[in-house]
Amino acid sequence: MEFFVQLIITGTVIGSIYALLALGFTLIYKATDVVNFAQGELLMVGAYICLHLTVSYSVPFWASFLITLVFSFTMGFFYRKGLSAQNDRGAYNLNHNAHHRALLCDEGYSSDFLGN
């Protein structure tokens, strides 16, 4: 019975993550008519930071989750701040070339971190 409860909780957590990613894809696609896969990149960075803190430094999971949450928020804030500029009407224009360069850097950093 304990195993069944654990399977229910794990399935709910994984399903919630998939639902949030699908919601992100839907919101971005409806707003821009472009499919953008940057959520996966940012989710991967946060997941590996949490894993690294938990395994390598023996930080308790909840503490590493909170540290990762703060780091991910900060990284996303500066990522957005660095890639967009406010124009005269108050709307934000995204520099697409900088966006692609940042994604390539993100992929490079993650491959260095994983050792691939």
PDB file of N, CA and C in Angstrom:
ATOM      1  N   MET A   1       0.828  -1.193   0.000  1.00  0.00           N
ATOM      2  CA  MET A   1       0.000   0.000   0.000  1.00  0.00           C
ATOM      3  C   MET A   1       0.874   1.260   0.000  1.00  0.00           C
ATOM      4  N   GLU A   2       1.976   1.222   0.746  1.00  0.00           N
ATOM      5  CA  GLU A   2       2.872   2.368   0.798  1.00  0.00           C
ATOM      6  C   GLU A   2       3.471   2.648  -0.581  1.00  0.00           C
ATOM      7  N   PHE A   3       3.808   1.593  -1.311  1.00  0.00           N
ATOM      8  CA  PHE A   3       4.366   1.729  -2.650  1.00  0.00           C
ATOM      9  C   PHE A   3       3.347   2.365  -3.595  1.00  0.00           C
ATOM     10  N   PHE A   4       2.093   1.973  -3.468  1.00  0.00           N
ATOM     11  CA  PHE A   4       1.031   2.528  -4.306  1.00  0.00           C
ATOM     12  C   PHE A   4       0.850   4.023  -4.041  1.00  0.00           C
ATOM     13  N   VAL A   5       0.895   4.422  -2.784  1.00  0.00           N
ATOM     14  CA  VAL A   5       0.770   5.849  -2.437  1.00  0.00           C
ATOM     15  C   VAL A   5       1.956   6.628  -3.009  1.00  0.00           C
ATOM     16  N   GLN A   6       3.144   6.047  -2.924  1.00  0.00           N
ATOM     17  CA  GLN A   6       4.328   6.697  -3.472  1.00  0.00           C
ATOM     18  C   GLN A   6       4.200   6.858  -4.999  1.00  0.00           C
ATOM     19  N   LEU A   7       3.666   5.849  -5.680  1.00  0.00           N
ATOM     20  CA  LEU A   7       3.458   5.937  -7.121  1.00  0.00           C
ATOM     21  C   LEU A   7       2.440   7.026  -7.474  1.00  0.00           C
ATOM     22  N   ILE A   8       1.394   7.140  -6.675  1.00  0.00           N
ATOM     23  CA  ILE A   8       0.378   8.179  -6.916  1.00  0.00           C
ATOM     24  C   ILE A   8       0.992   9.565  -6.766  1.00  0.00           C
ATOM     25  N   ILE A   9       1.772   9.764  -5.714  1.00  0.00           N
ATOM     26  CA  ILE A   9       2.389  11.078  -5.474  1.00  0.00           C
ATOM     27  C   ILE A   9       3.404  11.403  -6.567  1.00  0.00           C
ATOM     28  N   THR A  10       4.246  10.433  -6.927  1.00  0.00           N
ATOM     29  CA  THR A  10       5.242  10.663  -7.974  1.00  0.00           C
ATOM     30  C   THR A  10       4.570  10.962  -9.308  1.00  0.00           C
ATOM     31  N   GLY A  11       3.541  10.220  -9.649  1.00  0.00           N
ATOM     32  CA  GLY A  11       2.816  10.473 -10.889  1.00  0.00           C
ATOM     33  C   GLY A  11       2.160  11.833 -10.923  1.00  0.00           C
ATOM     34  N   THR A  12       1.623  12.260  -9.792  1.00  0.00           N
ATOM     35  CA  THR A  12       1.004  13.582  -9.707  1.00  0.00           C
ATOM     36  C   THR A  12       2.037  14.686  -9.883  1.00  0.00           C
ATOM     37  N   VAL A  13       3.200  14.534  -9.266  1.00  0.00           N
ATOM     38  CA  VAL A  13       4.263  15.544  -9.387  1.00  0.00           C
ATOM     39  C   VAL A  13       4.757  15.628 -10.828  1.00  0.00           C
ATOM     40  N   ILE A  14       5.047  14.494 -11.444  1.00  0.00           N
ATOM     41  CA  ILE A  14       5.549  14.499 -12.820  1.00  0.00           C
ATOM     42  C   ILE A  14       4.475  15.032 -13.774  1.00  0.00           C
ATOM     43  N   GLY A  15       3.237  14.638 -13.571  1.00  0.00           N
ATOM     44  CA  GLY A  15       2.144  15.153 -14.397  1.00  0.00           C
ATOM     45  C   GLY A  15       1.972  16.658 -14.244  1.00  0.00           C
ATOM     46  N   SER A  16       2.177  17.168 -13.036  1.00  0.00           N
ATOM     47  CA  SER A  16       2.082  18.614 -12.814  1.00  0.00           C
ATOM     48  C   SER A  16       3.185  19.358 -13.555  1.00  0.00           C
ATOM     49  N   ILE A  17       4.378  18.803 -13.571  1.00  0.00           N
ATOM     50  CA  ILE A  17       5.484  19.430 -14.307  1.00  0.00           C
ATOM     51  C   ILE A  17       5.177  19.456 -15.800  1.00  0.00           C
ATOM     52  N   TYR A  18       4.685  18.339 -16.339  1.00  0.00           N
ATOM     53  CA  TYR A  18       4.304  18.302 -17.750  1.00  0.00           C
ATOM     54  C   TYR A  18       3.190  19.306 -18.046  1.00  0.00           C
ATOM     55  N   ALA A  19       2.236  19.427 -17.146  1.00  0.00           N
ATOM     56  CA  ALA A  19       1.135  20.372 -17.350  1.00  0.00           C
ATOM     57  C   ALA A  19       1.633  21.815 -17.351  1.00  0.00           C
ATOM     58  N   LEU A  20       2.568  22.145 -16.459  1.00  0.00           N
ATOM     59  CA  LEU A  20       3.112  23.498 -16.435  1.00  0.00           C
ATOM     60  C   LEU A  20       3.908  23.806 -17.699  1.00  0.00           C
ATOM     61  N   LEU A  21       4.672  22.830 -18.174  1.00  0.00           N
ATOM     62  CA  LEU A  21       5.403  23.041 -19.429  1.00  0.00           C
ATOM     63  C   LEU A  21       4.440  23.226 -20.603  1.00  0.00           C
ATOM     64  N   ALA A  22       3.387  22.422 -20.655  1.00  0.00           N
ATOM     65  CA  ALA A  22       2.399  22.561 -21.730  1.00  0.00           C
ATOM     66  C   ALA A  22       1.698  23.913 -21.648  1.00  0.00           C
ATOM     67  N   LEU A  23       1.418  24.365 -20.443  1.00  0.00           N
ATOM     68  CA  LEU A  23       0.808  25.681 -20.275  1.00  0.00           C
ATOM     69  C   LEU A  23       1.750  26.783 -20.765  1.00  0.00           C
ATOM     70  N   GLY A  24       3.034  26.647 -20.465  1.00  0.00           N
ATOM     71  CA  GLY A  24       4.018  27.617 -20.949  1.00  0.00           C
ATOM     72  C   GLY A  24       4.106  27.637 -22.463  1.00  0.00           C
ATOM     73  N   PHE A  25       4.127  26.438 -23.095  1.00  0.00           N
ATOM     74  CA  PHE A  25       4.146  26.377 -24.558  1.00  0.00           C
ATOM     75  C   PHE A  25       2.903  27.026 -25.148  1.00  0.00           C
ATOM     76  N   THR A  26       1.753  26.749 -24.551  1.00  0.00           N
ATOM     77  CA  THR A  26       0.496  27.289 -25.064  1.00  0.00           C
ATOM     78  C   THR A  26       0.452  28.805 -24.934  1.00  0.00           C
ATOM     79  N   LEU A  27       0.845  29.329 -23.784  1.00  0.00           N
ATOM     80  CA  LEU A  27       0.818  30.781 -23.587  1.00  0.00           C
ATOM     81  C   LEU A  27       1.753  31.493 -24.555  1.00  0.00           C
ATOM     82  N   ILE A  28       2.960  30.970 -24.723  1.00  0.00           N
ATOM     83  CA  ILE A  28       3.909  31.619 -25.625  1.00  0.00           C
ATOM     84  C   ILE A  28       3.444  31.510 -27.071  1.00  0.00           C
ATOM     85  N   TYR A  29       2.921  30.343 -27.461  1.00  0.00           N
ATOM     86  CA  TYR A  29       2.467  30.186 -28.838  1.00  0.00           C
ATOM     87  C   TYR A  29       1.280  31.095 -29.149  1.00  0.00           C
ATOM     88  N   LYS A  30       0.339  31.200 -28.221  1.00  0.00           N
ATOM     89  CA  LYS A  30      -0.833  32.056 -28.449  1.00  0.00           C
ATOM     90  C   LYS A  30      -0.443  33.533 -28.495  1.00  0.00           C
ATOM     91  N   ALA A  31       0.578  33.919 -27.739  1.00  0.00           N
ATOM     92  CA  ALA A  31       0.981  35.323 -27.698  1.00  0.00           C
ATOM     93  C   ALA A  31       1.848  35.720 -28.886  1.00  0.00           C
ATOM     94  N   THR A  32       2.691  34.790 -29.381  1.00  0.00           N
ATOM     95  CA  THR A  32       3.665  35.163 -30.399  1.00  0.00           C
ATOM     96  C   THR A  32       3.530  34.403 -31.712  1.00  0.00           C
ATOM     97  N   ASP A  33       2.717  33.361 -31.767  1.00  0.00           N
ATOM     98  CA  ASP A  33       2.603  32.482 -32.934  1.00  0.00           C
ATOM     99  C   ASP A  33       3.933  31.829 -33.293  1.00  0.00           C
ATOM    100  N   VAL A  34       4.791  31.653 -32.305  1.00  0.00           N
ATOM    101  CA  VAL A  34       6.071  30.981 -32.488  1.00  0.00           C
ATOM    102  C   VAL A  34       6.209  29.940 -31.377  1.00  0.00           C
ATOM    103  N   VAL A  35       6.601  28.727 -31.756  1.00  0.00           N
ATOM    104  CA  VAL A  35       6.855  27.703 -30.748  1.00  0.00           C
ATOM    105  C   VAL A  35       8.253  27.932 -30.195  1.00  0.00           C
ATOM    106  N   ASN A  36       8.350  28.145 -28.896  1.00  0.00           N
ATOM    107  CA  ASN A  36       9.625  28.458 -28.261  1.00  0.00           C
ATOM    108  C   ASN A  36       9.923  27.382 -27.225  1.00  0.00           C
ATOM    109  N   PHE A  37      11.071  26.731 -27.363  1.00  0.00           N
ATOM    110  CA  PHE A  37      11.426  25.628 -26.469  1.00  0.00           C
ATOM    111  C   PHE A  37      12.388  26.053 -25.364  1.00  0.00           C
ATOM    112  N   ALA A  38      12.437  27.323 -25.039  1.00  0.00           N
ATOM    113  CA  ALA A  38      13.365  27.803 -24.016  1.00  0.00           C
ATOM    114  C   ALA A  38      12.980  27.333 -22.618  1.00  0.00           C
ATOM    115  N   GLN A  39      11.702  26.984 -22.392  1.00  0.00           N
ATOM    116  CA  GLN A  39      11.299  26.526 -21.062  1.00  0.00           C
ATOM    117  C   GLN A  39      12.056  25.270 -20.666  1.00  0.00           C
ATOM    118  N   GLY A  40      12.255  24.380 -21.623  1.00  0.00           N
ATOM    119  CA  GLY A  40      12.988  23.147 -21.340  1.00  0.00           C
ATOM    120  C   GLY A  40      14.423  23.421 -20.924  1.00  0.00           C
ATOM    121  N   GLU A  41      15.043  24.397 -21.567  1.00  0.00           N
ATOM    122  CA  GLU A  41      16.417  24.757 -21.221  1.00  0.00           C
ATOM    123  C   GLU A  41      16.486  25.280 -19.790  1.00  0.00           C
ATOM    124  N   LEU A  42      15.587  26.184 -19.454  1.00  0.00           N
ATOM    125  CA  LEU A  42      15.621  26.781 -18.125  1.00  0.00           C
ATOM    126  C   LEU A  42      15.212  25.785 -17.049  1.00  0.00           C
ATOM    127  N   LEU A  43      14.274  24.893 -17.366  1.00  0.00           N
ATOM    128  CA  LEU A  43      13.880  23.854 -16.422  1.00  0.00           C
ATOM    129  C   LEU A  43      15.040  22.902 -16.164  1.00  0.00           C
ATOM    130  N   MET A  44      15.779  22.569 -17.221  1.00  0.00           N
ATOM    131  CA  MET A  44      16.922  21.671 -17.091  1.00  0.00           C
ATOM    132  C   MET A  44      18.004  22.286 -16.195  1.00  0.00           C
ATOM    133  N   VAL A  45      18.274  23.557 -16.364  1.00  0.00           N
ATOM    134  CA  VAL A  45      19.295  24.213 -15.540  1.00  0.00           C
ATOM    135  C   VAL A  45      18.885  24.172 -14.071  1.00  0.00           C
ATOM    136  N   GLY A  46      17.640  24.507 -13.788  1.00  0.00           N
ATOM    137  CA  GLY A  46      17.170  24.478 -12.404  1.00  0.00           C
ATOM    138  C   GLY A  46      17.199  23.080 -11.805  1.00  0.00           C
ATOM    139  N   ALA A  47      16.806  22.080 -12.594  1.00  0.00           N
ATOM    140  CA  ALA A  47      16.806  20.701 -12.091  1.00  0.00           C
ATOM    141  C   ALA A  47      18.214  20.222 -11.772  1.00  0.00           C
ATOM    142  N   TYR A  48      19.166  20.550 -12.629  1.00  0.00           N
ATOM    143  CA  TYR A  48      20.537  20.115 -12.374  1.00  0.00           C
ATOM    144  C   TYR A  48      21.187  20.877 -11.224  1.00  0.00           C
ATOM    145  N   ILE A  49      20.805  22.113 -11.020  1.00  0.00           N
ATOM    146  CA  ILE A  49      21.323  22.840  -9.859  1.00  0.00           C
ATOM    147  C   ILE A  49      20.810  22.196  -8.578  1.00  0.00           C
ATOM    148  N   CYS A  50      19.528  21.873  -8.547  1.00  0.00           N
ATOM    149  CA  CYS A  50      18.949  21.226  -7.366  1.00  0.00           C
ATOM    150  C   CYS A  50      19.596  19.862  -7.127  1.00  0.00           C
ATOM    151  N   LEU A  51      19.779  19.089  -8.195  1.00  0.00           N
ATOM    152  CA  LEU A  51      20.429  17.784  -8.078  1.00  0.00           C
ATOM    153  C   LEU A  51      21.851  17.921  -7.578  1.00  0.00           C
ATOM    154  N   HIS A  52      22.596  18.870  -8.124  1.00  0.00           N
ATOM    155  CA  HIS A  52      23.989  19.069  -7.725  1.00  0.00           C
ATOM    156  C   HIS A  52      24.097  19.478  -6.253  1.00  0.00           C
ATOM    157  N   LEU A  53      23.228  20.373  -5.814  1.00  0.00           N
ATOM    158  CA  LEU A  53      23.255  20.783  -4.403  1.00  0.00           C
ATOM    159  C   LEU A  53      22.921  19.612  -3.483  1.00  0.00           C
ATOM    160  N   THR A  54      21.953  18.807  -3.881  1.00  0.00           N
ATOM    161  CA  THR A  54      21.518  17.696  -3.035  1.00  0.00           C
ATOM    162  C   THR A  54      22.549  16.588  -2.980  1.00  0.00           C
ATOM    163  N   VAL A  55      23.111  16.214  -4.133  1.00  0.00           N
ATOM    164  CA  VAL A  55      24.025  15.070  -4.185  1.00  0.00           C
ATOM    165  C   VAL A  55      25.446  15.453  -3.781  1.00  0.00           C
ATOM    166  N   SER A  56      25.981  16.516  -4.367  1.00  0.00           N
ATOM    167  CA  SER A  56      27.391  16.849  -4.138  1.00  0.00           C
ATOM    168  C   SER A  56      27.645  17.510  -2.795  1.00  0.00           C
ATOM    169  N   TYR A  57      26.744  18.369  -2.376  1.00  0.00           N
ATOM    170  CA  TYR A  57      26.964  19.116  -1.131  1.00  0.00           C
ATOM    171  C   TYR A  57      26.109  18.624   0.029  1.00  0.00           C
ATOM    172  N   SER A  58      25.328  17.588  -0.171  1.00  0.00           N
ATOM    173  CA  SER A  58      24.474  16.986   0.860  1.00  0.00           C
ATOM    174  C   SER A  58      23.539  17.998   1.516  1.00  0.00           C
ATOM    175  N   VAL A  59      23.063  18.934   0.722  1.00  0.00           N
ATOM    176  CA  VAL A  59      22.083  19.903   1.214  1.00  0.00           C
ATOM    177  C   VAL A  59      20.728  19.197   1.232  1.00  0.00           C
ATOM    178  N   PRO A  60      19.934  19.354   2.285  1.00  0.00           N
ATOM    179  CA  PRO A  60      18.601  18.741   2.290  1.00  0.00           C
ATOM    180  C   PRO A  60      17.784  19.202   1.081  1.00  0.00           C
ATOM    181  N   PHE A  61      16.899  18.321   0.616  1.00  0.00           N
ATOM    182  CA  PHE A  61      16.167  18.606  -0.619  1.00  0.00           C
ATOM    183  C   PHE A  61      15.393  19.914  -0.548  1.00  0.00           C
ATOM    184  N   TRP A  62      14.680  20.154   0.535  1.00  0.00           N
ATOM    185  CA  TRP A  62      13.853  21.369   0.609  1.00  0.00           C
ATOM    186  C   TRP A  62      14.713  22.624   0.588  1.00  0.00           C
ATOM    187  N   ALA A  63      15.884  22.574   1.222  1.00  0.00           N
ATOM    188  CA  ALA A  63      16.777  23.737   1.191  1.00  0.00           C
ATOM    189  C   ALA A  63      17.326  23.941  -0.225  1.00  0.00           C
ATOM    190  N   SER A  64      17.729  22.844  -0.877  1.00  0.00           N
ATOM    191  CA  SER A  64      18.253  22.986  -2.240  1.00  0.00           C
ATOM    192  C   SER A  64      17.149  23.422  -3.202  1.00  0.00           C
ATOM    193  N   PHE A  65      15.911  22.995  -2.956  1.00  0.00           N
ATOM    194  CA  PHE A  65      14.788  23.435  -3.782  1.00  0.00           C
ATOM    195  C   PHE A  65      14.585  24.943  -3.638  1.00  0.00           C
ATOM    196  N   LEU A  66      14.635  25.455  -2.412  1.00  0.00           N
ATOM    197  CA  LEU A  66      14.456  26.893  -2.197  1.00  0.00           C
ATOM    198  C   LEU A  66      15.613  27.700  -2.795  1.00  0.00           C
ATOM    199  N   ILE A  67      16.837  27.194  -2.649  1.00  0.00           N
ATOM    200  CA  ILE A  67      17.996  27.863  -3.247  1.00  0.00           C
ATOM    201  C   ILE A  67      17.852  27.884  -4.765  1.00  0.00           C
ATOM    202  N   THR A  68      17.430  26.756  -5.331  1.00  0.00           N
ATOM    203  CA  THR A  68      17.238  26.677  -6.775  1.00  0.00           C
ATOM    204  C   THR A  68      16.127  27.602  -7.229  1.00  0.00           C
ATOM    205  N   LEU A  69      15.071  27.709  -6.458  1.00  0.00           N
ATOM    206  CA  LEU A  69      13.965  28.601  -6.801  1.00  0.00           C
ATOM    207  C   LEU A  69      14.444  30.049  -6.856  1.00  0.00           C
ATOM    208  N   VAL A  70      15.205  30.470  -5.863  1.00  0.00           N
ATOM    209  CA  VAL A  70      15.729  31.834  -5.844  1.00  0.00           C
ATOM    210  C   VAL A  70      16.699  32.046  -7.009  1.00  0.00           C
ATOM    211  N   PHE A  71      17.583  31.062  -7.245  1.00  0.00           N
ATOM    212  CA  PHE A  71      18.534  31.178  -8.340  1.00  0.00           C
ATOM    213  C   PHE A  71      17.820  31.229  -9.688  1.00  0.00           C
ATOM    214  N   SER A  72      16.820  30.393  -9.884  1.00  0.00           N
ATOM    215  CA  SER A  72      16.094  30.360 -11.160  1.00  0.00           C
ATOM    216  C   SER A  72      15.331  31.661 -11.392  1.00  0.00           C
ATOM    217  N   PHE A  73      14.737  32.194 -10.337  1.00  0.00           N
ATOM    218  CA  PHE A  73      14.047  33.479 -10.470  1.00  0.00           C
ATOM    219  C   PHE A  73      15.035  34.572 -10.863  1.00  0.00           C
ATOM    220  N   THR A  74      16.181  34.603 -10.191  1.00  0.00           N
ATOM    221  CA  THR A  74      17.196  35.610 -10.484  1.00  0.00           C
ATOM    222  C   THR A  74      17.740  35.449 -11.895  1.00  0.00           C
ATOM    223  N   MET A  75      18.016  34.197 -12.298  1.00  0.00           N
ATOM    224  CA  MET A  75      18.526  33.939 -13.634  1.00  0.00           C
ATOM    225  C   MET A  75      17.495  34.356 -14.691  1.00  0.00           C
ATOM    226  N   GLY A  76      16.231  34.025 -14.490  1.00  0.00           N
ATOM    227  CA  GLY A  76      15.192  34.407 -15.431  1.00  0.00           C
ATOM    228  C   GLY A  76      14.999  35.911 -15.501  1.00  0.00           C
ATOM    229  N   PHE A  77      15.112  36.583 -14.369  1.00  0.00           N
ATOM    230  CA  PHE A  77      14.967  38.032 -14.334  1.00  0.00           C
ATOM    231  C   PHE A  77      16.061  38.699 -15.156  1.00  0.00           C
ATOM    232  N   PHE A  78      17.310  38.310 -14.913  1.00  0.00           N
ATOM    233  CA  PHE A  78      18.415  38.925 -15.638  1.00  0.00           C
ATOM    234  C   PHE A  78      18.467  38.464 -17.099  1.00  0.00           C
ATOM    235  N   TYR A  79      18.026  37.261 -17.357  1.00  0.00           N
ATOM    236  CA  TYR A  79      17.927  36.761 -18.726  1.00  0.00           C
ATOM    237  C   TYR A  79      16.962  37.626 -19.517  1.00  0.00           C
ATOM    238  N   ARG A  80      15.813  37.906 -18.929  1.00  0.00           N
ATOM    239  CA  ARG A  80      14.825  38.751 -19.592  1.00  0.00           C
ATOM    240  C   ARG A  80      15.293  40.199 -19.665  1.00  0.00           C
ATOM    241  N   LYS A  81      15.914  40.675 -18.601  1.00  0.00           N
ATOM    242  CA  LYS A  81      16.374  42.056 -18.557  1.00  0.00           C
ATOM    243  C   LYS A  81      17.463  42.291 -19.591  1.00  0.00           C
ATOM    244  N   GLY A  82      18.322  41.324 -19.796  1.00  0.00           N
ATOM    245  CA  GLY A  82      19.410  41.479 -20.749  1.00  0.00           C
ATOM    246  C   GLY A  82      18.988  41.327 -22.190  1.00  0.00           C
ATOM    247  N   LEU A  83      17.879  40.643 -22.450  1.00  0.00           N
ATOM    248  CA  LEU A  83      17.467  40.387 -23.823  1.00  0.00           C
ATOM    249  C   LEU A  83      16.373  41.309 -24.326  1.00  0.00           C
ATOM    250  N   SER A  84      15.867  42.154 -23.488  1.00  0.00           N
ATOM    251  CA  SER A  84      14.781  43.020 -23.940  1.00  0.00           C
ATOM    252  C   SER A  84      15.097  44.466 -23.594  1.00  0.00           C
ATOM    253  N   ALA A  85      14.526  45.333 -24.385  1.00  0.00           N
ATOM    254  CA  ALA A  85      14.691  46.772 -24.142  1.00  0.00           C
ATOM    255  C   ALA A  85      13.319  47.420 -24.263  1.00  0.00           C
ATOM    256  N   GLN A  86      13.050  48.354 -23.378  1.00  0.00           N
ATOM    257  CA  GLN A  86      11.743  49.011 -23.400  1.00  0.00           C
ATOM    258  C   GLN A  86      11.764  50.139 -24.430  1.00  0.00           C
ATOM    259  N   ASN A  87      10.758  50.159 -25.297  1.00  0.00           N
ATOM    260  CA  ASN A  87      10.705  51.227 -26.290  1.00  0.00           C
ATOM    261  C   ASN A  87       9.868  52.395 -25.772  1.00  0.00           C
ATOM    262  N   ASP A  88       9.622  53.378 -26.625  1.00  0.00           N
ATOM    263  CA  ASP A  88       8.930  54.605 -26.203  1.00  0.00           C
ATOM    264  C   ASP A  88       7.509  54.370 -25.727  1.00  0.00           C
ATOM    265  N   ARG A  89       6.812  53.378 -26.284  1.00  0.00           N
ATOM    266  CA  ARG A  89       5.414  53.129 -25.917  1.00  0.00           C
ATOM    267  C   ARG A  89       5.277  52.231 -24.699  1.00  0.00           C
ATOM    268  N   GLY A  90       6.379  51.791 -24.123  1.00  0.00           N
ATOM    269  CA  GLY A  90       6.315  50.949 -22.938  1.00  0.00           C
ATOM    270  C   GLY A  90       6.277  49.469 -23.249  1.00  0.00           C
ATOM    271  N   ALA A  91       6.280  49.106 -24.542  1.00  0.00           N
ATOM    272  CA  ALA A  91       6.263  47.689 -24.909  1.00  0.00           C
ATOM    273  C   ALA A  91       7.696  47.164 -24.961  1.00  0.00           C
ATOM    274  N   TYR A  92       7.827  45.879 -24.764  1.00  0.00           N
ATOM    275  CA  TYR A  92       9.144  45.265 -24.767  1.00  0.00           C
ATOM    276  C   TYR A  92       9.415  44.619 -26.116  1.00  0.00           C
ATOM    277  N   ASN A  93      10.583  44.899 -26.667  1.00  0.00           N
ATOM    278  CA  ASN A  93      11.026  44.265 -27.902  1.00  0.00           C
ATOM    279  C   ASN A  93      12.135  43.287 -27.556  1.00  0.00           C
ATOM    280  N   LEU A  94      11.999  42.078 -28.017  1.00  0.00           N
ATOM    281  CA  LEU A  94      12.989  41.053 -27.728  1.00  0.00           C
ATOM    282  C   LEU A  94      14.003  41.020 -28.854  1.00  0.00           C
ATOM    283  N   ASN A  95      15.263  41.065 -28.505  1.00  0.00           N
ATOM    284  CA  ASN A  95      16.335  40.955 -29.479  1.00  0.00           C
ATOM    285  C   ASN A  95      16.524  39.475 -29.790  1.00  0.00           C
ATOM    286  N   HIS A  96      16.026  39.030 -30.937  1.00  0.00           N
ATOM    287  CA  HIS A  96      16.003  37.595 -31.240  1.00  0.00           C
ATOM    288  C   HIS A  96      17.393  37.016 -31.438  1.00  0.00           C
ATOM    289  N   ASN A  97      18.318  37.791 -31.981  1.00  0.00           N
ATOM    290  CA  ASN A  97      19.676  37.264 -32.147  1.00  0.00           C
ATOM    291  C   ASN A  97      20.318  37.002 -30.796  1.00  0.00           C
ATOM    292  N   ALA A  98      20.130  37.904 -29.861  1.00  0.00           N
ATOM    293  CA  ALA A  98      20.676  37.695 -28.519  1.00  0.00           C
ATOM    294  C   ALA A  98      20.011  36.506 -27.852  1.00  0.00           C
ATOM    295  N   HIS A  99      18.728  36.306 -28.121  1.00  0.00           N
ATOM    296  CA  HIS A  99      17.996  35.178 -27.550  1.00  0.00           C
ATOM    297  C   HIS A  99      18.601  33.859 -28.029  1.00  0.00           C
ATOM    298  N   HIS A 100      18.880  33.753 -29.328  1.00  0.00           N
ATOM    299  CA  HIS A 100      19.460  32.523 -29.850  1.00  0.00           C
ATOM    300  C   HIS A 100      20.873  32.298 -29.319  1.00  0.00           C
ATOM    301  N   ARG A 101      21.637  33.359 -29.192  1.00  0.00           N
ATOM    302  CA  ARG A 101      22.992  33.222 -28.624  1.00  0.00           C
ATOM    303  C   ARG A 101      22.915  32.764 -27.169  1.00  0.00           C
ATOM    304  N   ALA A 102      21.953  33.292 -26.415  1.00  0.00           N
ATOM    305  CA  ALA A 102      21.823  32.897 -25.014  1.00  0.00           C
ATOM    306  C   ALA A 102      21.428  31.432 -24.886  1.00  0.00           C
ATOM    307  N   LEU A 103      20.560  30.943 -25.788  1.00  0.00           N
ATOM    308  CA  LEU A 103      20.181  29.528 -25.753  1.00  0.00           C
ATOM    309  C   LEU A 103      21.369  28.635 -26.091  1.00  0.00           C
ATOM    310  N   LEU A 104      22.191  29.056 -27.048  1.00  0.00           N
ATOM    311  CA  LEU A 104      23.383  28.277 -27.378  1.00  0.00           C
ATOM    312  C   LEU A 104      24.350  28.247 -26.207  1.00  0.00           C
ATOM    313  N   CYS A 105      24.497  29.368 -25.516  1.00  0.00           N
ATOM    314  CA  CYS A 105      25.357  29.397 -24.326  1.00  0.00           C
ATOM    315  C   CYS A 105      24.799  28.485 -23.245  1.00  0.00           C
ATOM    316  N   ASP A 106      23.483  28.502 -23.077  1.00  0.00           N
ATOM    317  CA  ASP A 106      22.833  27.653 -22.083  1.00  0.00           C
ATOM    318  C   ASP A 106      23.083  26.184 -22.391  1.00  0.00           C
ATOM    319  N   GLU A 107      22.958  25.799 -23.662  1.00  0.00           N
ATOM    320  CA  GLU A 107      23.222  24.416 -24.049  1.00  0.00           C
ATOM    321  C   GLU A 107      24.685  24.057 -23.840  1.00  0.00           C
ATOM    322  N   GLY A 108      25.586  25.006 -24.136  1.00  0.00           N
ATOM    323  CA  GLY A 108      27.010  24.753 -23.943  1.00  0.00           C
ATOM    324  C   GLY A 108      27.363  24.581 -22.476  1.00  0.00           C
ATOM    325  N   TYR A 109      26.809  25.429 -21.626  1.00  0.00           N
ATOM    326  CA  TYR A 109      27.086  25.320 -20.199  1.00  0.00           C
ATOM    327  C   TYR A 109      26.550  24.013 -19.631  1.00  0.00           C
ATOM    328  N   SER A 110      25.355  23.628 -20.076  1.00  0.00           N
ATOM    329  CA  SER A 110      24.788  22.386 -19.547  1.00  0.00           C
ATOM    330  C   SER A 110      25.571  21.180 -20.023  1.00  0.00           C
ATOM    331  N   SER A 111      26.077  21.196 -21.267  1.00  0.00           N
ATOM    332  CA  SER A 111      26.879  20.064 -21.731  1.00  0.00           C
ATOM    333  C   SER A 111      28.221  20.009 -21.007  1.00  0.00           C
ATOM    334  N   ASP A 112      28.792  21.177 -20.694  1.00  0.00           N
ATOM    335  CA  ASP A 112      30.026  21.182 -19.888  1.00  0.00           C
ATOM    336  C   ASP A 112      29.776  20.636 -18.504  1.00  0.00           C
ATOM    337  N   PHE A 113      28.629  21.019 -17.919  1.00  0.00           N
ATOM    338  CA  PHE A 113      28.288  20.563 -16.573  1.00  0.00           C
ATOM    339  C   PHE A 113      28.058  19.055 -16.545  1.00  0.00           C
ATOM    340  N   LEU A 114      27.410  18.534 -17.613  1.00  0.00           N
ATOM    341  CA  LEU A 114      27.122  17.104 -17.661  1.00  0.00           C
ATOM    342  C   LEU A 114      28.326  16.279 -18.109  1.00  0.00           C
ATOM    343  N   GLY A 115      29.328  16.947 -18.696  1.00  0.00           N
ATOM    344  CA  GLY A 115      30.508  16.232 -19.139  1.00  0.00           C
ATOM    345  C   GLY A 115      30.336  15.583 -20.504  1.00  0.00           C
ATOM    346  N   ASN A 116      29.366  16.005 -21.285  1.00  0.00           N
ATOM    347  CA  ASN A 116      29.145  15.444 -22.633  1.00  0.00           C
ATOM    348  C   ASN A 116      29.817  16.292 -23.674  1.00  0.00           C
TER     349      ASN A 116
END
